PDB file of N, CA and C in Angstrom:
ATOM      1  N   UNK A   1     -24.019  -6.986  12.050  1.00  0.00           N
ATOM      2  CA  UNK A   1     -24.267  -5.745  12.746  1.00  0.00           C
ATOM      3  C   UNK A   1     -23.043  -4.843  12.714  1.00  0.00           C
ATOM      4  N   UNK A   2     -21.844  -5.421  12.915  1.00  0.00           N
ATOM      5  CA  UNK A   2     -20.612  -4.635  12.889  1.00  0.00           C
ATOM      6  C   UNK A   2     -20.408  -4.008  11.518  1.00  0.00           C
ATOM      7  N   UNK A   3     -20.666  -4.768  10.456  1.00  0.00           N
ATOM      8  CA  UNK A   3     -20.493  -4.271   9.093  1.00  0.00           C
ATOM      9  C   UNK A   3     -21.406  -3.085   8.832  1.00  0.00           C
ATOM     10  N   UNK A   4     -22.654  -3.175   9.260  1.00  0.00           N
ATOM     11  CA  UNK A   4     -23.608  -2.085   9.061  1.00  0.00           C
ATOM     12  C   UNK A   4     -23.155  -0.841   9.815  1.00  0.00           C
ATOM     13  N   UNK A   5     -22.653  -1.008  11.019  1.00  0.00           N
ATOM     14  CA  UNK A   5     -22.190   0.135  11.794  1.00  0.00           C
ATOM     15  C   UNK A   5     -20.968   0.767  11.151  1.00  0.00           C
ATOM     16  N   UNK A   6     -20.051  -0.043  10.659  1.00  0.00           N
ATOM     17  CA  UNK A   6     -18.838   0.475  10.055  1.00  0.00           C
ATOM     18  C   UNK A   6     -19.138   1.233   8.767  1.00  0.00           C
ATOM     19  N   UNK A   7     -20.167   0.845   8.048  1.00  0.00           N
ATOM     20  CA  UNK A   7     -20.479   1.479   6.779  1.00  0.00           C
ATOM     21  C   UNK A   7     -21.294   2.758   6.896  1.00  0.00           C
ATOM     22  N   UNK A   8     -21.752   3.080   8.071  1.00  0.00           N
ATOM     23  CA  UNK A   8     -22.505   4.317   8.231  1.00  0.00           C
ATOM     24  C   UNK A   8     -21.579   5.510   8.026  1.00  0.00           C
ATOM     25  N   UNK A   9     -22.060   6.506   7.318  1.00  0.00           N
ATOM     26  CA  UNK A   9     -21.255   7.709   7.101  1.00  0.00           C
ATOM     27  C   UNK A   9     -21.089   8.475   8.409  1.00  0.00           C
ATOM     28  N   UNK A  10     -22.143   8.586   9.191  1.00  0.00           N
ATOM     29  CA  UNK A  10     -22.068   9.292  10.464  1.00  0.00           C
ATOM     30  C   UNK A  10     -22.347   8.296  11.577  1.00  0.00           C
ATOM     31  N   UNK A  11     -21.455   8.248  12.543  1.00  0.00           N
ATOM     32  CA  UNK A  11     -21.640   7.366  13.695  1.00  0.00           C
ATOM     33  C   UNK A  11     -21.640   8.212  14.952  1.00  0.00           C
ATOM     34  N   UNK A  12     -22.224   7.672  16.012  1.00  0.00           N
ATOM     35  CA  UNK A  12     -22.273   8.403  17.263  1.00  0.00           C
ATOM     36  C   UNK A  12     -21.397   7.703  18.277  1.00  0.00           C
ATOM     37  N   UNK A  13     -20.481   8.463  18.844  1.00  0.00           N
ATOM     38  CA  UNK A  13     -19.591   7.924  19.861  1.00  0.00           C
ATOM     39  C   UNK A  13     -20.302   7.885  21.204  1.00  0.00           C
ATOM     40  N   UNK A  14     -19.791   7.031  22.085  1.00  0.00           N
ATOM     41  CA  UNK A  14     -20.355   6.928  23.428  1.00  0.00           C
ATOM     42  C   UNK A  14     -20.181   8.235  24.198  1.00  0.00           C
ATOM     43  N   UNK A  15     -19.132   8.993  23.835  1.00  0.00           N
ATOM     44  CA  UNK A  15     -18.897  10.255  24.538  1.00  0.00           C
ATOM     45  C   UNK A  15     -19.860  11.334  24.082  1.00  0.00           C
ATOM     46  N   UNK A  16     -20.638  11.047  23.073  1.00  0.00           N
ATOM     47  CA  UNK A  16     -21.621  12.012  22.590  1.00  0.00           C
ATOM     48  C   UNK A  16     -21.064  12.830  21.442  1.00  0.00           C
ATOM     49  N   UNK A  17     -21.828  12.947  20.411  1.00  0.00           N
ATOM     50  CA  UNK A  17     -21.417  13.770  19.281  1.00  0.00           C
ATOM     51  C   UNK A  17     -21.163  12.936  18.054  1.00  0.00           C
ATOM     52  N   UNK A  18     -21.624  13.443  16.908  1.00  0.00           N
ATOM     53  CA  UNK A  18     -21.427  12.710  15.663  1.00  0.00           C
ATOM     54  C   UNK A  18     -19.999  12.829  15.155  1.00  0.00           C
ATOM     55  N   UNK A  19     -19.553  11.817  14.475  1.00  0.00           N
ATOM     56  CA  UNK A  19     -18.252  11.842  13.803  1.00  0.00           C
ATOM     57  C   UNK A  19     -18.458  11.388  12.367  1.00  0.00           C
ATOM     58  N   UNK A  20     -17.523  11.763  11.528  1.00  0.00           N
ATOM     59  CA  UNK A  20     -17.583  11.354  10.130  1.00  0.00           C
ATOM     60  C   UNK A  20     -16.263  10.709   9.755  1.00  0.00           C
ATOM     61  N   UNK A  21     -16.336   9.581   9.077  1.00  0.00           N
ATOM     62  CA  UNK A  21     -15.139   8.866   8.633  1.00  0.00           C
ATOM     63  C   UNK A  21     -14.597   9.564   7.407  1.00  0.00           C
ATOM     64  N   UNK A  22     -13.321   9.920   7.459  1.00  0.00           N
ATOM     65  CA  UNK A  22     -12.694  10.640   6.350  1.00  0.00           C
ATOM     66  C   UNK A  22     -11.340  10.039   6.026  1.00  0.00           C
ATOM     67  N   UNK A  23     -10.971  10.143   4.752  1.00  0.00           N
ATOM     68  CA  UNK A  23      -9.652   9.719   4.310  1.00  0.00           C
ATOM     69  C   UNK A  23      -8.745  10.940   4.268  1.00  0.00           C
ATOM     70  N   UNK A  24      -7.530  10.787   4.756  1.00  0.00           N
ATOM     71  CA  UNK A  24      -6.522  11.831   4.648  1.00  0.00           C
ATOM     72  C   UNK A  24      -5.725  11.501   3.385  1.00  0.00           C
ATOM     73  N   UNK A  25      -5.797  12.397   2.389  1.00  0.00           N
ATOM     74  CA  UNK A  25      -5.212  12.127   1.078  1.00  0.00           C
ATOM     75  C   UNK A  25      -4.037  13.060   0.819  1.00  0.00           C
ATOM     76  N   UNK A  26      -2.928  12.485   0.372  1.00  0.00           N
ATOM     77  CA  UNK A  26      -1.749  13.268  -0.011  1.00  0.00           C
ATOM     78  C   UNK A  26      -1.275  12.772  -1.369  1.00  0.00           C
ATOM     79  N   UNK A  27      -1.181  13.670  -2.324  1.00  0.00           N
ATOM     80  CA  UNK A  27      -0.727  13.345  -3.678  1.00  0.00           C
ATOM     81  C   UNK A  27      -1.521  12.190  -4.290  1.00  0.00           C
ATOM     82  N   UNK A  28      -2.832  12.154  -4.032  1.00  0.00           N
ATOM     83  CA  UNK A  28      -3.696  11.153  -4.634  1.00  0.00           C
ATOM     84  C   UNK A  28      -3.683   9.798  -3.968  1.00  0.00           C
ATOM     85  N   UNK A  29      -3.028   9.681  -2.815  1.00  0.00           N
ATOM     86  CA  UNK A  29      -2.944   8.405  -2.105  1.00  0.00           C
ATOM     87  C   UNK A  29      -3.464   8.596  -0.682  1.00  0.00           C
ATOM     88  N   UNK A  30      -4.298   7.674  -0.215  1.00  0.00           N
ATOM     89  CA  UNK A  30      -4.811   7.735   1.158  1.00  0.00           C
ATOM     90  C   UNK A  30      -3.676   7.353   2.104  1.00  0.00           C
ATOM     91  N   UNK A  31      -3.321   8.296   2.996  1.00  0.00           N
ATOM     92  CA  UNK A  31      -2.236   8.043   3.943  1.00  0.00           C
ATOM     93  C   UNK A  31      -2.748   7.735   5.349  1.00  0.00           C
ATOM     94  N   UNK A  32      -4.054   8.003   5.592  1.00  0.00           N
ATOM     95  CA  UNK A  32      -4.637   7.713   6.895  1.00  0.00           C
ATOM     96  C   UNK A  32      -6.157   7.765   6.770  1.00  0.00           C
ATOM     97  N   UNK A  33      -6.839   7.152   7.711  1.00  0.00           N
ATOM     98  CA  UNK A  33      -8.298   7.231   7.793  1.00  0.00           C
ATOM     99  C   UNK A  33      -8.619   7.653   9.216  1.00  0.00           C
ATOM    100  N   UNK A  34      -9.449   8.711   9.348  1.00  0.00           N
ATOM    101  CA  UNK A  34      -9.749   9.263  10.660  1.00  0.00           C
ATOM    102  C   UNK A  34     -11.247   9.477  10.804  1.00  0.00           C
ATOM    103  N   UNK A  35     -11.674   9.629  12.047  1.00  0.00           N
ATOM    104  CA  UNK A  35     -13.053  10.028  12.322  1.00  0.00           C
ATOM    105  C   UNK A  35     -13.001  11.443  12.854  1.00  0.00           C
ATOM    106  N   UNK A  36     -13.658  12.335  12.159  1.00  0.00           N
ATOM    107  CA  UNK A  36     -13.632  13.747  12.509  1.00  0.00           C
ATOM    108  C   UNK A  36     -14.964  14.107  13.152  1.00  0.00           C
ATOM    109  N   UNK A  37     -14.914  14.750  14.294  1.00  0.00           N
ATOM    110  CA  UNK A  37     -16.121  15.147  15.001  1.00  0.00           C
ATOM    111  C   UNK A  37     -16.338  16.645  14.930  1.00  0.00           C
ATOM    112  N   UNK A  38     -17.029  17.157  15.933  1.00  0.00           N
ATOM    113  CA  UNK A  38     -17.337  18.582  15.977  1.00  0.00           C
ATOM    114  C   UNK A  38     -16.119  19.439  16.294  1.00  0.00           C
ATOM    115  N   UNK A  39     -15.160  18.891  17.018  1.00  0.00           N
ATOM    116  CA  UNK A  39     -13.969  19.662  17.374  1.00  0.00           C
ATOM    117  C   UNK A  39     -13.171  19.983  16.109  1.00  0.00           C
ATOM    118  N   UNK A  40     -12.649  21.197  16.013  1.00  0.00           N
ATOM    119  CA  UNK A  40     -11.890  21.554  14.808  1.00  0.00           C
ATOM    120  C   UNK A  40     -10.615  20.712  14.694  1.00  0.00           C
ATOM    121  N   UNK A  41     -10.407  20.172  13.538  1.00  0.00           N
ATOM    122  CA  UNK A  41      -9.205  19.373  13.267  1.00  0.00           C
ATOM    123  C   UNK A  41      -8.809  19.607  11.833  1.00  0.00           C
ATOM    124  N   UNK A  42      -7.546  19.769  11.597  1.00  0.00           N
ATOM    125  CA  UNK A  42      -7.053  19.977  10.237  1.00  0.00           C
ATOM    126  C   UNK A  42      -6.081  18.864   9.881  1.00  0.00           C
ATOM    127  N   UNK A  43      -6.110  18.433   8.633  1.00  0.00           N
ATOM    128  CA  UNK A  43      -5.141  17.416   8.218  1.00  0.00           C
ATOM    129  C   UNK A  43      -3.742  18.022   8.153  1.00  0.00           C
ATOM    130  N   UNK A  44      -2.712  17.199   8.148  1.00  0.00           N
ATOM    131  CA  UNK A  44      -1.342  17.710   8.048  1.00  0.00           C
ATOM    132  C   UNK A  44      -1.154  18.535   6.771  1.00  0.00           C
ATOM    133  N   UNK A  45      -0.139  19.363   6.776  1.00  0.00           N
ATOM    134  CA  UNK A  45       0.172  20.201   5.613  1.00  0.00           C
ATOM    135  C   UNK A  45       0.347  19.334   4.369  1.00  0.00           C
ATOM    136  N   UNK A  46      -0.243  19.767   3.263  1.00  0.00           N
ATOM    137  CA  UNK A  46      -0.132  19.049   2.002  1.00  0.00           C
ATOM    138  C   UNK A  46      -1.149  17.938   1.836  1.00  0.00           C
ATOM    139  N   UNK A  47      -1.995  17.740   2.845  1.00  0.00           N
ATOM    140  CA  UNK A  47      -3.010  16.683   2.800  1.00  0.00           C
ATOM    141  C   UNK A  47      -4.401  17.303   2.713  1.00  0.00           C
ATOM    142  N   UNK A  48      -5.338  16.539   2.192  1.00  0.00           N
ATOM    143  CA  UNK A  48      -6.735  16.976   2.179  1.00  0.00           C
ATOM    144  C   UNK A  48      -7.581  15.929   2.888  1.00  0.00           C
ATOM    145  N   UNK A  49      -8.732  16.353   3.349  1.00  0.00           N
ATOM    146  CA  UNK A  49      -9.646  15.500   4.083  1.00  0.00           C
ATOM    147  C   UNK A  49     -10.847  15.224   3.189  1.00  0.00           C
ATOM    148  N   UNK A  50     -11.108  13.937   2.879  1.00  0.00           N
ATOM    149  CA  UNK A  50     -12.192  13.564   1.968  1.00  0.00           C
ATOM    150  C   UNK A  50     -13.110  12.573   2.679  1.00  0.00           C
ATOM    151  N   UNK A  51     -14.405  12.909   2.833  1.00  0.00           N
ATOM    152  CA  UNK A  51     -15.339  11.963   3.454  1.00  0.00           C
ATOM    153  C   UNK A  51     -15.403  10.653   2.660  1.00  0.00           C
ATOM    154  N   UNK A  52     -15.368   9.538   3.367  1.00  0.00           N
ATOM    155  CA  UNK A  52     -15.433   8.232   2.708  1.00  0.00           C
ATOM    156  C   UNK A  52     -15.869   7.173   3.702  1.00  0.00           C
ATOM    157  N   UNK A  53     -16.713   6.262   3.243  1.00  0.00           N
ATOM    158  CA  UNK A  53     -17.137   5.164   4.104  1.00  0.00           C
ATOM    159  C   UNK A  53     -16.279   3.923   3.928  1.00  0.00           C
ATOM    160  N   UNK A  54     -15.532   3.853   2.829  1.00  0.00           N
ATOM    161  CA  UNK A  54     -14.803   2.607   2.566  1.00  0.00           C
ATOM    162  C   UNK A  54     -13.360   2.762   2.122  1.00  0.00           C
ATOM    163  N   UNK A  55     -12.811   3.975   2.066  1.00  0.00           N
ATOM    164  CA  UNK A  55     -11.416   4.144   1.656  1.00  0.00           C
ATOM    165  C   UNK A  55     -10.494   3.569   2.721  1.00  0.00           C
ATOM    166  N   UNK A  56      -9.361   3.054   2.286  1.00  0.00           N
ATOM    167  CA  UNK A  56      -8.373   2.503   3.195  1.00  0.00           C
ATOM    168  C   UNK A  56      -6.995   3.046   2.877  1.00  0.00           C
ATOM    169  N   UNK A  57      -6.089   2.929   3.818  1.00  0.00           N
ATOM    170  CA  UNK A  57      -4.719   3.396   3.615  1.00  0.00           C
ATOM    171  C   UNK A  57      -4.127   2.694   2.385  1.00  0.00           C
ATOM    172  N   UNK A  58      -3.520   3.477   1.500  1.00  0.00           N
ATOM    173  CA  UNK A  58      -2.924   2.937   0.288  1.00  0.00           C
ATOM    174  C   UNK A  58      -3.834   3.037  -0.923  1.00  0.00           C
ATOM    175  N   UNK A  59      -5.124   3.308  -0.714  1.00  0.00           N
ATOM    176  CA  UNK A  59      -6.042   3.469  -1.842  1.00  0.00           C
ATOM    177  C   UNK A  59      -5.687   4.732  -2.620  1.00  0.00           C
ATOM    178  N   UNK A  60      -6.133   4.795  -3.858  1.00  0.00           N
ATOM    179  CA  UNK A  60      -5.880   5.948  -4.726  1.00  0.00           C
ATOM    180  C   UNK A  60      -7.129   6.820  -4.779  1.00  0.00           C
ATOM    181  N   UNK A  61      -6.933   8.137  -4.919  1.00  0.00           N
ATOM    182  CA  UNK A  61      -8.046   9.075  -5.029  1.00  0.00           C
ATOM    183  C   UNK A  61      -7.775   9.978  -6.225  1.00  0.00           C
ATOM    184  N   UNK A  62      -8.720   9.999  -7.178  1.00  0.00           N
ATOM    185  CA  UNK A  62      -8.528  10.779  -8.408  1.00  0.00           C
ATOM    186  C   UNK A  62      -9.228  12.135  -8.376  1.00  0.00           C
ATOM    187  N   UNK A  63      -9.699  12.536  -7.230  1.00  0.00           N
ATOM    188  CA  UNK A  63     -10.407  13.795  -7.098  1.00  0.00           C
ATOM    189  C   UNK A  63     -11.913  13.613  -7.091  1.00  0.00           C
ATOM    190  N   UNK A  64     -12.382  12.432  -7.488  1.00  0.00           N
ATOM    191  CA  UNK A  64     -13.813  12.156  -7.511  1.00  0.00           C
ATOM    192  C   UNK A  64     -14.166  10.852  -6.800  1.00  0.00           C
ATOM    193  N   UNK A  65     -13.299   9.835  -6.924  1.00  0.00           N
ATOM    194  CA  UNK A  65     -13.609   8.547  -6.293  1.00  0.00           C
ATOM    195  C   UNK A  65     -12.333   7.818  -5.890  1.00  0.00           C
ATOM    196  N   UNK A  66     -12.522   6.865  -4.983  1.00  0.00           N
ATOM    197  CA  UNK A  66     -11.417   6.061  -4.471  1.00  0.00           C
ATOM    198  C   UNK A  66     -11.330   4.759  -5.257  1.00  0.00           C
ATOM    199  N   UNK A  67     -10.123   4.231  -5.376  1.00  0.00           N
ATOM    200  CA  UNK A  67      -9.929   2.929  -6.020  1.00  0.00           C
ATOM    201  C   UNK A  67      -8.750   2.229  -5.357  1.00  0.00           C
ATOM    202  N   UNK A  68      -8.753   0.919  -5.480  1.00  0.00           N
ATOM    203  CA  UNK A  68      -7.650   0.128  -4.946  1.00  0.00           C
ATOM    204  C   UNK A  68      -6.544   0.073  -5.997  1.00  0.00           C
ATOM    205  N   UNK A  69      -5.283   0.190  -5.593  1.00  0.00           N
ATOM    206  CA  UNK A  69      -4.200   0.093  -6.567  1.00  0.00           C
ATOM    207  C   UNK A  69      -4.089  -1.338  -7.098  1.00  0.00           C
ATOM    208  N   UNK A  70      -3.551  -1.451  -8.306  1.00  0.00           N
ATOM    209  CA  UNK A  70      -3.339  -2.783  -8.888  1.00  0.00           C
ATOM    210  C   UNK A  70      -2.346  -3.543  -8.012  1.00  0.00           C
ATOM    211  N   UNK A  71      -2.562  -4.821  -7.894  1.00  0.00           N
ATOM    212  CA  UNK A  71      -1.666  -5.650  -7.081  1.00  0.00           C
ATOM    213  C   UNK A  71      -0.284  -5.699  -7.717  1.00  0.00           C
ATOM    214  N   UNK A  72       0.728  -5.542  -6.894  1.00  0.00           N
ATOM    215  CA  UNK A  72       2.108  -5.611  -7.373  1.00  0.00           C
ATOM    216  C   UNK A  72       2.474  -7.064  -7.675  1.00  0.00           C
ATOM    217  N   UNK A  73       3.379  -7.233  -8.601  1.00  0.00           N
ATOM    218  CA  UNK A  73       3.843  -8.577  -8.932  1.00  0.00           C
ATOM    219  C   UNK A  73       4.539  -9.162  -7.706  1.00  0.00           C
ATOM    220  N   UNK A  74       4.255 -10.392  -7.377  1.00  0.00           N
ATOM    221  CA  UNK A  74       4.884 -10.983  -6.197  1.00  0.00           C
ATOM    222  C   UNK A  74       6.389 -11.155  -6.402  1.00  0.00           C
ATOM    223  N   UNK A  75       7.129 -11.002  -5.324  1.00  0.00           N
ATOM    224  CA  UNK A  75       8.575 -11.210  -5.383  1.00  0.00           C
ATOM    225  C   UNK A  75       8.848 -12.680  -5.657  1.00  0.00           C
ATOM    226  N   UNK A  76       9.923 -12.952  -6.370  1.00  0.00           N
ATOM    227  CA  UNK A  76      10.216 -14.364  -6.646  1.00  0.00           C
ATOM    228  C   UNK A  76      10.424 -15.132  -5.345  1.00  0.00           C
ATOM    229  N   UNK A  77       9.924 -16.320  -5.310  1.00  0.00           N
ATOM    230  CA  UNK A  77      10.099 -17.121  -4.108  1.00  0.00           C
ATOM    231  C   UNK A  77      11.511 -17.689  -4.091  1.00  0.00           C
ATOM    232  N   UNK A  78      11.890 -18.210  -2.950  1.00  0.00           N
ATOM    233  CA  UNK A  78      13.234 -18.767  -2.797  1.00  0.00           C
ATOM    234  C   UNK A  78      13.459 -19.880  -3.822  1.00  0.00           C
ATOM    235  N   UNK A  79      12.427 -20.648  -4.146  1.00  0.00           N
ATOM    236  CA  UNK A  79      12.571 -21.752  -5.092  1.00  0.00           C
ATOM    237  C   UNK A  79      12.859 -21.270  -6.515  1.00  0.00           C
ATOM    238  N   UNK A  80      12.409 -20.054  -6.852  1.00  0.00           N
ATOM    239  CA  UNK A  80      12.620 -19.545  -8.203  1.00  0.00           C
ATOM    240  C   UNK A  80      14.022 -18.985  -8.391  1.00  0.00           C
ATOM    241  N   UNK A  81      14.719 -18.692  -7.308  1.00  0.00           N
ATOM    242  CA  UNK A  81      16.079 -18.173  -7.395  1.00  0.00           C
ATOM    243  C   UNK A  81      17.041 -19.346  -7.570  1.00  0.00           C
ATOM    244  N   UNK A  82      18.152 -19.109  -8.283  1.00  0.00           N
ATOM    245  CA  UNK A  82      19.117 -20.212  -8.439  1.00  0.00           C
ATOM    246  C   UNK A  82      19.714 -20.604  -7.083  1.00  0.00           C
ATOM    247  N   UNK A  83      19.938 -21.872  -6.921  1.00  0.00           N
ATOM    248  CA  UNK A  83      20.534 -22.350  -5.675  1.00  0.00           C
ATOM    249  C   UNK A  83      22.022 -22.022  -5.669  1.00  0.00           C
ATOM    250  N   UNK A  84      22.651 -22.178  -4.515  1.00  0.00           N
ATOM    251  CA  UNK A  84      24.091 -21.936  -4.405  1.00  0.00           C
ATOM    252  C   UNK A  84      24.837 -22.869  -5.336  1.00  0.00           C
ATOM    253  N   UNK A  85      24.412 -24.104  -5.419  1.00  0.00           N
ATOM    254  CA  UNK A  85      25.080 -25.077  -6.301  1.00  0.00           C
ATOM    255  C   UNK A  85      24.950 -24.653  -7.766  1.00  0.00           C
ATOM    256  N   UNK A  86      23.772 -24.157  -8.147  1.00  0.00           N
ATOM    257  CA  UNK A  86      23.579 -23.707  -9.531  1.00  0.00           C
ATOM    258  C   UNK A  86      24.437 -22.481  -9.835  1.00  0.00           C
ATOM    259  N   UNK A  87      24.538 -21.562  -8.877  1.00  0.00           N
ATOM    260  CA  UNK A  87      25.376 -20.374  -9.089  1.00  0.00           C
ATOM    261  C   UNK A  87      26.848 -20.755  -9.166  1.00  0.00           C
ATOM    262  N   UNK A  88      27.288 -21.688  -8.314  1.00  0.00           N
ATOM    263  CA  UNK A  88      28.674 -22.145  -8.336  1.00  0.00           C
ATOM    264  C   UNK A  88      28.993 -22.827  -9.659  1.00  0.00           C
ATOM    265  N   UNK A  89      28.080 -23.662 -10.159  1.00  0.00           N
ATOM    266  CA  UNK A  89      28.284 -24.324 -11.448  1.00  0.00           C
ATOM    267  C   UNK A  89      28.384 -23.290 -12.562  1.00  0.00           C
ATOM    268  N   UNK A  90      27.592 -22.216 -12.496  1.00  0.00           N
ATOM    269  CA  UNK A  90      27.644 -21.157 -13.498  1.00  0.00           C
ATOM    270  C   UNK A  90      29.002 -20.447 -13.465  1.00  0.00           C
ATOM    271  N   UNK A  91      29.498 -20.158 -12.258  1.00  0.00           N
ATOM    272  CA  UNK A  91      30.806 -19.505 -12.123  1.00  0.00           C
ATOM    273  C   UNK A  91      31.907 -20.409 -12.679  1.00  0.00           C
ATOM    274  N   UNK A  92      31.855 -21.699 -12.356  1.00  0.00           N
ATOM    275  CA  UNK A  92      32.872 -22.633 -12.860  1.00  0.00           C
ATOM    276  C   UNK A  92      32.830 -22.741 -14.377  1.00  0.00           C
ATOM    277  N   UNK A  93      31.606 -22.716 -14.951  1.00  0.00           N
ATOM    278  CA  UNK A  93      31.469 -22.773 -16.415  1.00  0.00           C
ATOM    279  C   UNK A  93      32.084 -21.524 -17.050  1.00  0.00           C
ATOM    280  N   UNK A  94      31.855 -20.377 -16.457  1.00  0.00           N
ATOM    281  CA  UNK A  94      32.414 -19.133 -17.004  1.00  0.00           C
ATOM    282  C   UNK A  94      33.937 -19.106 -16.888  1.00  0.00           C
ATOM    283  N   UNK A  95      34.457 -19.606 -15.759  1.00  0.00           N
ATOM    284  CA  UNK A  95      35.906 -19.682 -15.595  1.00  0.00           C
ATOM    285  C   UNK A  95      36.526 -20.592 -16.649  1.00  0.00           C
ATOM    286  N   UNK A  96      35.871 -21.713 -16.910  1.00  0.00           N
ATOM    287  CA  UNK A  96      36.371 -22.639 -17.937  1.00  0.00           C
ATOM    288  C   UNK A  96      36.380 -21.964 -19.290  1.00  0.00           C
ATOM    289  N   UNK A  97      35.361 -21.190 -19.614  1.00  0.00           N
ATOM    290  CA  UNK A  97      35.315 -20.457 -20.890  1.00  0.00           C
ATOM    291  C   UNK A  97      36.448 -19.449 -20.976  1.00  0.00           C
ATOM    292  N   UNK A  98      36.736 -18.758 -19.870  1.00  0.00           N
ATOM    293  CA  UNK A  98      37.825 -17.785 -19.871  1.00  0.00           C
ATOM    294  C   UNK A  98      39.166 -18.467 -20.047  1.00  0.00           C
ATOM    295  N   UNK A  99      39.366 -19.629 -19.423  1.00  0.00           N
ATOM    296  CA  UNK A  99      40.622 -20.368 -19.565  1.00  0.00           C
ATOM    297  C   UNK A  99      40.849 -20.773 -21.002  1.00  0.00           C
ATOM    298  N   UNK A 100      39.783 -21.182 -21.680  1.00  0.00           N
ATOM    299  CA  UNK A 100      39.884 -21.563 -23.102  1.00  0.00           C
ATOM    300  C   UNK A 100      40.303 -20.351 -23.926  1.00  0.00           C
ATOM    301  N   UNK A 101      39.742 -19.198 -23.634  1.00  0.00           N
ATOM    302  CA  UNK A 101      40.093 -17.968 -24.379  1.00  0.00           C
ATOM    303  C   UNK A 101      41.533 -17.546 -24.137  1.00  0.00           C
ATOM    304  N   UNK A 102      42.007 -17.680 -22.895  1.00  0.00           N
ATOM    305  CA  UNK A 102      43.366 -17.276 -22.559  1.00  0.00           C
ATOM    306  C   UNK A 102      44.373 -18.195 -23.258  1.00  0.00           C
ATOM    307  N   UNK A 103      44.100 -19.488 -23.328  1.00  0.00           N
ATOM    308  CA  UNK A 103      44.993 -20.459 -23.969  1.00  0.00           C
ATOM    309  C   UNK A 103      45.011 -20.289 -25.478  1.00  0.00           C
ATOM    310  N   UNK A 104      43.957 -19.724 -26.047  1.00  0.00           N
ATOM    311  CA  UNK A 104      43.850 -19.605 -27.498  1.00  0.00           C
ATOM    312  C   UNK A 104      44.682 -18.480 -28.045  1.00  0.00           C
TER     313      UNK A 104
END
C-alpha cells in the first residue's frame, strides 16, 4: 500500500489540496525532491522543477528522462593497502639501493 501511494503522481495531503512530486534539477543532476502544491513556490536560482514519480537526489536528468549514475569504483579496503611493515621494508630496500650507488 505504501509503495502504491508513493508512486502516485498526485497525492492528497491531510491538510487538503493536491501536491505533485517534483525533482529540483541543477546542471543535469537532481539536488532535491519536493512536493509542490497549489501555493506558489519557485526552485532556487539556477535550478528547474521537473515532475517525477521516481527521481532521487543524485540522479541524472538529460532533459527528457531521469537515470541513475554509474556506480563509482569502491575505495580500496584497508587490506588492499600496504601494511606499515610492508612500507617500512620498501623504504629499507630503497635505502640499501641508494647506499650501493653511493659506494660505487
